[in-house]
Amino acid sequence: MKSKGKKKRSSARNALLGGVLKKNEEIKKTVRKAADRLTLVNRVLKQGRVPLEDTRQAITQNEDIENTISAAANDLALVNAKLAQAMTQRRVIETELADTRVDLAEARDDLSKSQVREEEAQQLALQDALTGLPNRILFEQSLAHGLLQAKRHGRELAILFLDIDDFKSINDTFGHDVGDQVLITVAHRLKSFVRDEDL
């Protein structure tokens, strides 16, 4: 709804600017015609011996032309005022567009950050934080899916259980930091031996 209002305002501003420019052209034509008439009047007056009636008529025409030029000057002042108004409105539009671009860039940035956070949250929810291996939730989901696929396609499914012998003694003897390093090393070795499609 907001963009429709902006479109209407933009159309109105464009119409105003178009009207101003048209009026400006009309004033130019009026001034040109007045200048041509003034040139003719001046020629008549320069001829010297001009009948009195022709002189009076030339002076009257000269006054009419001066009035026309004066009116054109007033119209031009109005056109310039409207043009200044249109330019001010254009600057406002350009500022609004710049602000909108900034808002869009910030929204895109926020969306990207949100997607990264969502991916990180999903990773944390489905992987062990220490080893990066799938956690129990992902294992159970994948196992259920794998059993359904195996049954549907008449395939077999293999599950491998591993136990690290005397792991408790590693923690007890060398500390949990060393125990964590052992788990990380085992996880890396497991990942290097299984296919990408294996869990």
C-alpha atoms as a PDB file:
ATOM      1  CA  MET A   1       0.000   0.000   0.000  1.00  0.00           C
ATOM      2  CA  LYS A   2       2.897   2.312   0.802  1.00  0.00           C
ATOM      3  CA  SER A   3       4.442   1.888  -2.648  1.00  0.00           C
ATOM      4  CA  LYS A   4       1.131   2.766  -4.379  1.00  0.00           C
ATOM      5  CA  GLY A   5       1.090   6.077  -2.490  1.00  0.00           C
ATOM      6  CA  LYS A   6       4.672   6.756  -3.541  1.00  0.00           C
ATOM      7  CA  LYS A   7       3.782   5.963  -7.176  1.00  0.00           C
ATOM      8  CA  LYS A   8       0.855   8.396  -7.082  1.00  0.00           C
ATOM      9  CA  ARG A   9       3.061  11.132  -5.563  1.00  0.00           C
ATOM     10  CA  SER A  10       5.749  10.428  -8.149  1.00  0.00           C
ATOM     11  CA  SER A  11       3.197  10.618 -10.995  1.00  0.00           C
ATOM     12  CA  ALA A  12       1.830  13.892  -9.610  1.00  0.00           C
ATOM     13  CA  ARG A  13       5.349  15.333  -9.371  1.00  0.00           C
ATOM     14  CA  ASN A  14       6.142  14.226 -12.922  1.00  0.00           C
ATOM     15  CA  ALA A  15       2.895  15.826 -14.139  1.00  0.00           C
ATOM     16  CA  LEU A  16       3.781  19.055 -12.283  1.00  0.00           C
ATOM     17  CA  LEU A  17       7.261  19.101 -13.804  1.00  0.00           C
ATOM     18  CA  GLY A  18       5.825  18.382 -17.271  1.00  0.00           C
ATOM     19  CA  GLY A  19       3.336  21.232 -16.864  1.00  0.00           C
ATOM     20  CA  VAL A  20       6.071  23.610 -15.728  1.00  0.00           C
ATOM     21  CA  LEU A  21       8.272  22.758 -18.687  1.00  0.00           C
ATOM     22  CA  LYS A  22       5.320  23.174 -21.107  1.00  0.00           C
ATOM     23  CA  LYS A  23       4.484  26.586 -19.601  1.00  0.00           C
ATOM     24  CA  ASN A  24       8.150  27.579 -19.939  1.00  0.00           C
ATOM     25  CA  GLU A  25       8.043  26.764 -23.678  1.00  0.00           C
ATOM     26  CA  GLU A  26       4.825  28.788 -24.086  1.00  0.00           C
ATOM     27  CA  ILE A  27       6.458  31.799 -22.410  1.00  0.00           C
ATOM     28  CA  LYS A  28       9.477  31.520 -24.722  1.00  0.00           C
ATOM     29  CA  LYS A  29       7.168  31.563 -27.770  1.00  0.00           C
ATOM     30  CA  THR A  30       5.262  34.601 -26.406  1.00  0.00           C
ATOM     31  CA  VAL A  31       8.525  36.510 -25.804  1.00  0.00           C
ATOM     32  CA  ARG A  32       9.798  35.625 -29.312  1.00  0.00           C
ATOM     33  CA  LYS A  33       6.568  36.879 -30.901  1.00  0.00           C
ATOM     34  CA  ALA A  34       6.709  40.062 -28.795  1.00  0.00           C
ATOM     35  CA  ALA A  35      10.342  40.611 -29.792  1.00  0.00           C
ATOM     36  CA  ASP A  36       9.425  40.205 -33.490  1.00  0.00           C
ATOM     37  CA  ARG A  37       6.554  42.685 -33.144  1.00  0.00           C
ATOM     38  CA  LEU A  38       8.810  45.122 -31.283  1.00  0.00           C
ATOM     39  CA  THR A  39      11.341  44.910 -34.114  1.00  0.00           C
ATOM     40  CA  LEU A  40       8.599  45.822 -36.600  1.00  0.00           C
ATOM     41  CA  VAL A  41       7.471  48.764 -34.439  1.00  0.00           C
ATOM     42  CA  ASN A  42      11.049  50.031 -34.156  1.00  0.00           C
ATOM     43  CA  ARG A  43      11.446  49.843 -37.953  1.00  0.00           C
ATOM     44  CA  VAL A  44       8.301  51.899 -38.401  1.00  0.00           C
ATOM     45  CA  LEU A  45       9.515  54.502 -35.889  1.00  0.00           C
ATOM     46  CA  LYS A  46      12.985  54.670 -37.477  1.00  0.00           C
ATOM     47  CA  GLN A  47      11.595  55.448 -40.900  1.00  0.00           C
ATOM     48  CA  GLY A  48      11.434  59.064 -39.911  1.00  0.00           C
ATOM     49  CA  ARG A  49       8.511  60.767 -41.529  1.00  0.00           C
ATOM     50  CA  VAL A  50       5.767  58.520 -40.365  1.00  0.00           C
ATOM     51  CA  PRO A  51       2.215  59.814 -40.296  1.00  0.00           C
ATOM     52  CA  LEU A  52       1.059  60.775 -36.832  1.00  0.00           C
ATOM     53  CA  GLU A  53      -1.630  58.094 -36.816  1.00  0.00           C
ATOM     54  CA  ASP A  54       0.962  55.395 -37.644  1.00  0.00           C
ATOM     55  CA  THR A  55       3.235  56.760 -34.890  1.00  0.00           C
ATOM     56  CA  ARG A  56       0.389  56.595 -32.358  1.00  0.00           C
ATOM     57  CA  GLN A  57      -0.442  53.079 -33.485  1.00  0.00           C
ATOM     58  CA  ALA A  58       3.256  52.066 -33.180  1.00  0.00           C
ATOM     59  CA  ILE A  59       3.440  53.533 -29.658  1.00  0.00           C
ATOM     60  CA  THR A  60       0.242  51.687 -28.670  1.00  0.00           C
ATOM     61  CA  GLN A  61       1.649  48.461 -30.094  1.00  0.00           C
ATOM     62  CA  ASN A  62       4.898  49.118 -28.233  1.00  0.00           C
ATOM     63  CA  GLU A  63       2.960  49.488 -24.960  1.00  0.00           C
ATOM     64  CA  ASP A  64       0.996  46.278 -25.716  1.00  0.00           C
ATOM     65  CA  ILE A  65       4.255  44.458 -26.369  1.00  0.00           C
ATOM     66  CA  GLU A  66       5.767  45.788 -23.132  1.00  0.00           C
ATOM     67  CA  ASN A  67       2.673  44.567 -21.247  1.00  0.00           C
ATOM     68  CA  THR A  68       2.971  41.165 -22.946  1.00  0.00           C
ATOM     69  CA  ILE A  69       6.654  40.946 -21.981  1.00  0.00           C
ATOM     70  CA  SER A  70       5.874  42.057 -18.430  1.00  0.00           C
ATOM     71  CA  ALA A  71       3.148  39.372 -18.165  1.00  0.00           C
ATOM     72  CA  ALA A  72       5.602  36.818 -19.619  1.00  0.00           C
ATOM     73  CA  ALA A  73       8.190  37.846 -17.004  1.00  0.00           C
ATOM     74  CA  ASN A  74       5.607  37.315 -14.243  1.00  0.00           C
ATOM     75  CA  ASP A  75       4.652  33.941 -15.730  1.00  0.00           C
ATOM     76  CA  LEU A  76       8.338  33.042 -15.920  1.00  0.00           C
ATOM     77  CA  ALA A  77       8.778  33.922 -12.235  1.00  0.00           C
ATOM     78  CA  LEU A  78       5.863  31.578 -11.423  1.00  0.00           C
ATOM     79  CA  VAL A  79       7.365  28.861 -13.631  1.00  0.00           C
ATOM     80  CA  ASN A  80      10.718  29.253 -11.899  1.00  0.00           C
ATOM     81  CA  ALA A  81       9.019  29.011  -8.487  1.00  0.00           C
ATOM     82  CA  LYS A  82       7.194  25.832  -9.576  1.00  0.00           C
ATOM     83  CA  LEU A  83      10.409  24.465 -11.052  1.00  0.00           C
ATOM     84  CA  ALA A  84      12.223  25.121  -7.767  1.00  0.00           C
ATOM     85  CA  GLN A  85       9.367  23.327  -5.970  1.00  0.00           C
ATOM     86  CA  ALA A  86       9.621  20.389  -8.391  1.00  0.00           C
ATOM     87  CA  MET A  87      13.398  20.209  -7.863  1.00  0.00           C
ATOM     88  CA  THR A  88      12.912  20.239  -4.089  1.00  0.00           C
ATOM     89  CA  GLN A  89      10.394  17.415  -4.408  1.00  0.00           C
ATOM     90  CA  ARG A  90      12.825  15.531  -6.633  1.00  0.00           C
ATOM     91  CA  ARG A  91      15.537  15.855  -3.971  1.00  0.00           C
ATOM     92  CA  VAL A  92      13.055  14.501  -1.413  1.00  0.00           C
ATOM     93  CA  ILE A  93      12.333  11.535  -3.694  1.00  0.00           C
ATOM     94  CA  GLU A  94      16.040  10.904  -4.234  1.00  0.00           C
ATOM     95  CA  THR A  95      16.589  11.010  -0.468  1.00  0.00           C
ATOM     96  CA  GLU A  96      13.693   8.589   0.067  1.00  0.00           C
ATOM     97  CA  LEU A  97      15.164   6.267  -2.589  1.00  0.00           C
ATOM     98  CA  ALA A  98      18.588   6.407  -0.971  1.00  0.00           C
ATOM     99  CA  ASP A  99      17.027   5.648   2.428  1.00  0.00           C
ATOM    100  CA  THR A 100      15.071   2.763   0.884  1.00  0.00           C
ATOM    101  CA  ARG A 101      18.260   1.367  -0.649  1.00  0.00           C
ATOM    102  CA  VAL A 102      19.971   1.543   2.740  1.00  0.00           C
ATOM    103  CA  ASP A 103      16.965  -0.127   4.396  1.00  0.00           C
ATOM    104  CA  LEU A 104      16.972  -2.888   1.767  1.00  0.00           C
ATOM    105  CA  ALA A 105      20.700  -3.450   2.181  1.00  0.00           C
ATOM    106  CA  GLU A 106      20.271  -3.648   5.962  1.00  0.00           C
ATOM    107  CA  ALA A 107      17.311  -6.023   5.549  1.00  0.00           C
ATOM    108  CA  ARG A 108      19.372  -8.236   3.197  1.00  0.00           C
ATOM    109  CA  ASP A 109      22.227  -8.196   5.702  1.00  0.00           C
ATOM    110  CA  ASP A 110      19.853  -9.049   8.549  1.00  0.00           C
ATOM    111  CA  LEU A 111      18.334 -11.857   6.470  1.00  0.00           C
ATOM    112  CA  SER A 112      21.783 -13.259   5.668  1.00  0.00           C
ATOM    113  CA  LYS A 113      22.767 -13.116   9.328  1.00  0.00           C
ATOM    114  CA  SER A 114      19.458 -14.729  10.276  1.00  0.00           C
ATOM    115  CA  GLN A 115      20.023 -17.535   7.756  1.00  0.00           C
ATOM    116  CA  VAL A 116      23.545 -18.092   9.097  1.00  0.00           C
ATOM    117  CA  ARG A 117      22.199 -18.174  12.665  1.00  0.00           C
ATOM    118  CA  GLU A 118      19.467 -20.595  11.591  1.00  0.00           C
ATOM    119  CA  GLU A 119      22.020 -22.873   9.921  1.00  0.00           C
ATOM    120  CA  GLU A 120      24.247 -22.676  12.997  1.00  0.00           C
ATOM    121  CA  ALA A 121      21.293 -23.428  15.274  1.00  0.00           C
ATOM    122  CA  GLN A 122      20.296 -26.394  13.096  1.00  0.00           C
ATOM    123  CA  GLN A 123      23.881 -27.628  13.114  1.00  0.00           C
ATOM    124  CA  LEU A 124      24.043 -27.293  16.900  1.00  0.00           C
ATOM    125  CA  ALA A 125      20.729 -29.103  17.235  1.00  0.00           C
ATOM    126  CA  LEU A 126      21.821 -32.047  15.068  1.00  0.00           C
ATOM    127  CA  GLN A 127      25.577 -32.330  15.621  1.00  0.00           C
ATOM    128  CA  ASP A 128      27.829 -32.945  18.567  1.00  0.00           C
ATOM    129  CA  ALA A 129      29.495 -29.634  19.416  1.00  0.00           C
ATOM    130  CA  LEU A 130      32.874 -31.223  20.173  1.00  0.00           C
ATOM    131  CA  THR A 131      33.334 -33.704  17.310  1.00  0.00           C
ATOM    132  CA  GLY A 132      30.971 -32.381  14.664  1.00  0.00           C
ATOM    133  CA  LEU A 133      29.541 -35.889  14.304  1.00  0.00           C
ATOM    134  CA  PRO A 134      25.767 -36.341  14.078  1.00  0.00           C
ATOM    135  CA  ASN A 135      24.167 -36.412  17.520  1.00  0.00           C
ATOM    136  CA  ARG A 136      21.568 -38.831  18.849  1.00  0.00           C
ATOM    137  CA  ILE A 137      18.602 -36.818  17.444  1.00  0.00           C
ATOM    138  CA  LEU A 138      20.013 -36.852  13.897  1.00  0.00           C
ATOM    139  CA  PHE A 139      21.022 -40.500  14.278  1.00  0.00           C
ATOM    140  CA  GLU A 140      17.490 -41.512  15.293  1.00  0.00           C
ATOM    141  CA  GLN A 141      15.902 -39.455  12.480  1.00  0.00           C
ATOM    142  CA  SER A 142      18.321 -40.883   9.907  1.00  0.00           C
ATOM    143  CA  LEU A 143      17.891 -44.419  11.214  1.00  0.00           C
ATOM    144  CA  ALA A 144      14.084 -44.188  10.942  1.00  0.00           C
ATOM    145  CA  HIS A 145      14.383 -42.780   7.398  1.00  0.00           C
ATOM    146  CA  GLY A 146      16.998 -45.382   6.440  1.00  0.00           C
ATOM    147  CA  LEU A 147      14.842 -48.270   7.715  1.00  0.00           C
ATOM    148  CA  LEU A 148      11.842 -46.992   5.694  1.00  0.00           C
ATOM    149  CA  GLN A 149      13.973 -46.641   2.533  1.00  0.00           C
ATOM    150  CA  ALA A 150      15.521 -50.098   3.015  1.00  0.00           C
ATOM    151  CA  LYS A 151      12.086 -51.673   3.467  1.00  0.00           C
ATOM    152  CA  ARG A 152      10.564 -49.808   0.483  1.00  0.00           C
ATOM    153  CA  HIS A 153      13.404 -50.665  -1.928  1.00  0.00           C
ATOM    154  CA  GLY A 154      14.254 -54.112  -0.538  1.00  0.00           C
ATOM    155  CA  ARG A 155      17.740 -53.054   0.507  1.00  0.00           C
ATOM    156  CA  GLU A 156      19.813 -53.872   3.538  1.00  0.00           C
ATOM    157  CA  LEU A 157      20.940 -51.374   6.139  1.00  0.00           C
ATOM    158  CA  ALA A 158      24.115 -51.611   8.204  1.00  0.00           C
ATOM    159  CA  ILE A 159      24.800 -50.036  11.584  1.00  0.00           C
ATOM    160  CA  LEU A 160      28.298 -50.007  13.041  1.00  0.00           C
ATOM    161  CA  PHE A 161      28.842 -49.728  16.786  1.00  0.00           C
ATOM    162  CA  LEU A 162      32.268 -48.620  18.057  1.00  0.00           C
ATOM    163  CA  ASP A 163      33.614 -48.558  21.558  1.00  0.00           C
ATOM    164  CA  ILE A 164      36.841 -46.900  22.644  1.00  0.00           C
ATOM    165  CA  ASP A 165      38.407 -49.314  25.122  1.00  0.00           C
ATOM    166  CA  ASP A 166      39.334 -47.876  28.509  1.00  0.00           C
ATOM    167  CA  PHE A 167      38.254 -44.379  27.507  1.00  0.00           C
ATOM    168  CA  LYS A 168      37.354 -43.582  31.126  1.00  0.00           C
ATOM    169  CA  SER A 169      40.965 -44.232  32.152  1.00  0.00           C
ATOM    170  CA  ILE A 170      42.156 -41.685  29.517  1.00  0.00           C
ATOM    171  CA  ASN A 171      39.933 -39.033  31.093  1.00  0.00           C
ATOM    172  CA  ASP A 172      40.905 -40.058  34.610  1.00  0.00           C
ATOM    173  CA  THR A 173      44.643 -40.232  33.911  1.00  0.00           C
ATOM    174  CA  PHE A 174      45.217 -37.404  31.447  1.00  0.00           C
ATOM    175  CA  GLY A 175      42.213 -35.154  32.035  1.00  0.00           C
ATOM    176  CA  HIS A 176      39.108 -34.303  30.052  1.00  0.00           C
ATOM    177  CA  ASP A 177      40.968 -31.999  27.598  1.00  0.00           C
ATOM    178  CA  VAL A 178      43.070 -34.948  26.420  1.00  0.00           C
ATOM    179  CA  GLY A 179      39.947 -37.138  26.374  1.00  0.00           C
ATOM    180  CA  ASP A 180      38.257 -34.523  24.155  1.00  0.00           C
ATOM    181  CA  GLN A 181      41.248 -34.568  21.784  1.00  0.00           C
ATOM    182  CA  VAL A 182      40.994 -38.383  21.557  1.00  0.00           C
ATOM    183  CA  LEU A 183      37.286 -38.087  20.660  1.00  0.00           C
ATOM    184  CA  ILE A 184      38.038 -35.408  18.029  1.00  0.00           C
ATOM    185  CA  THR A 185      40.805 -37.570  16.496  1.00  0.00           C
ATOM    186  CA  VAL A 186      38.529 -40.636  16.369  1.00  0.00           C
ATOM    187  CA  ALA A 187      35.753 -38.509  14.780  1.00  0.00           C
ATOM    188  CA  HIS A 188      38.128 -37.232  12.061  1.00  0.00           C
ATOM    189  CA  ARG A 189      39.290 -40.771  11.304  1.00  0.00           C
ATOM    190  CA  LEU A 190      35.706 -42.035  11.104  1.00  0.00           C
ATOM    191  CA  LYS A 191      34.723 -39.206   8.734  1.00  0.00           C
ATOM    192  CA  SER A 192      37.706 -39.967   6.481  1.00  0.00           C
ATOM    193  CA  PHE A 193      36.676 -43.641   6.101  1.00  0.00           C
ATOM    194  CA  VAL A 194      32.969 -43.327   5.341  1.00  0.00           C
ATOM    195  CA  ARG A 195      31.249 -42.208   2.144  1.00  0.00           C
ATOM    196  CA  ASP A 196      29.552 -38.810   1.895  1.00  0.00           C
ATOM    197  CA  GLU A 197      26.109 -40.427   1.854  1.00  0.00           C
ATOM    198  CA  ASP A 198      26.880 -42.421   5.028  1.00  0.00           C
ATOM    199  CA  LEU A 199      25.988 -41.129   8.444  1.00  0.00           C
END
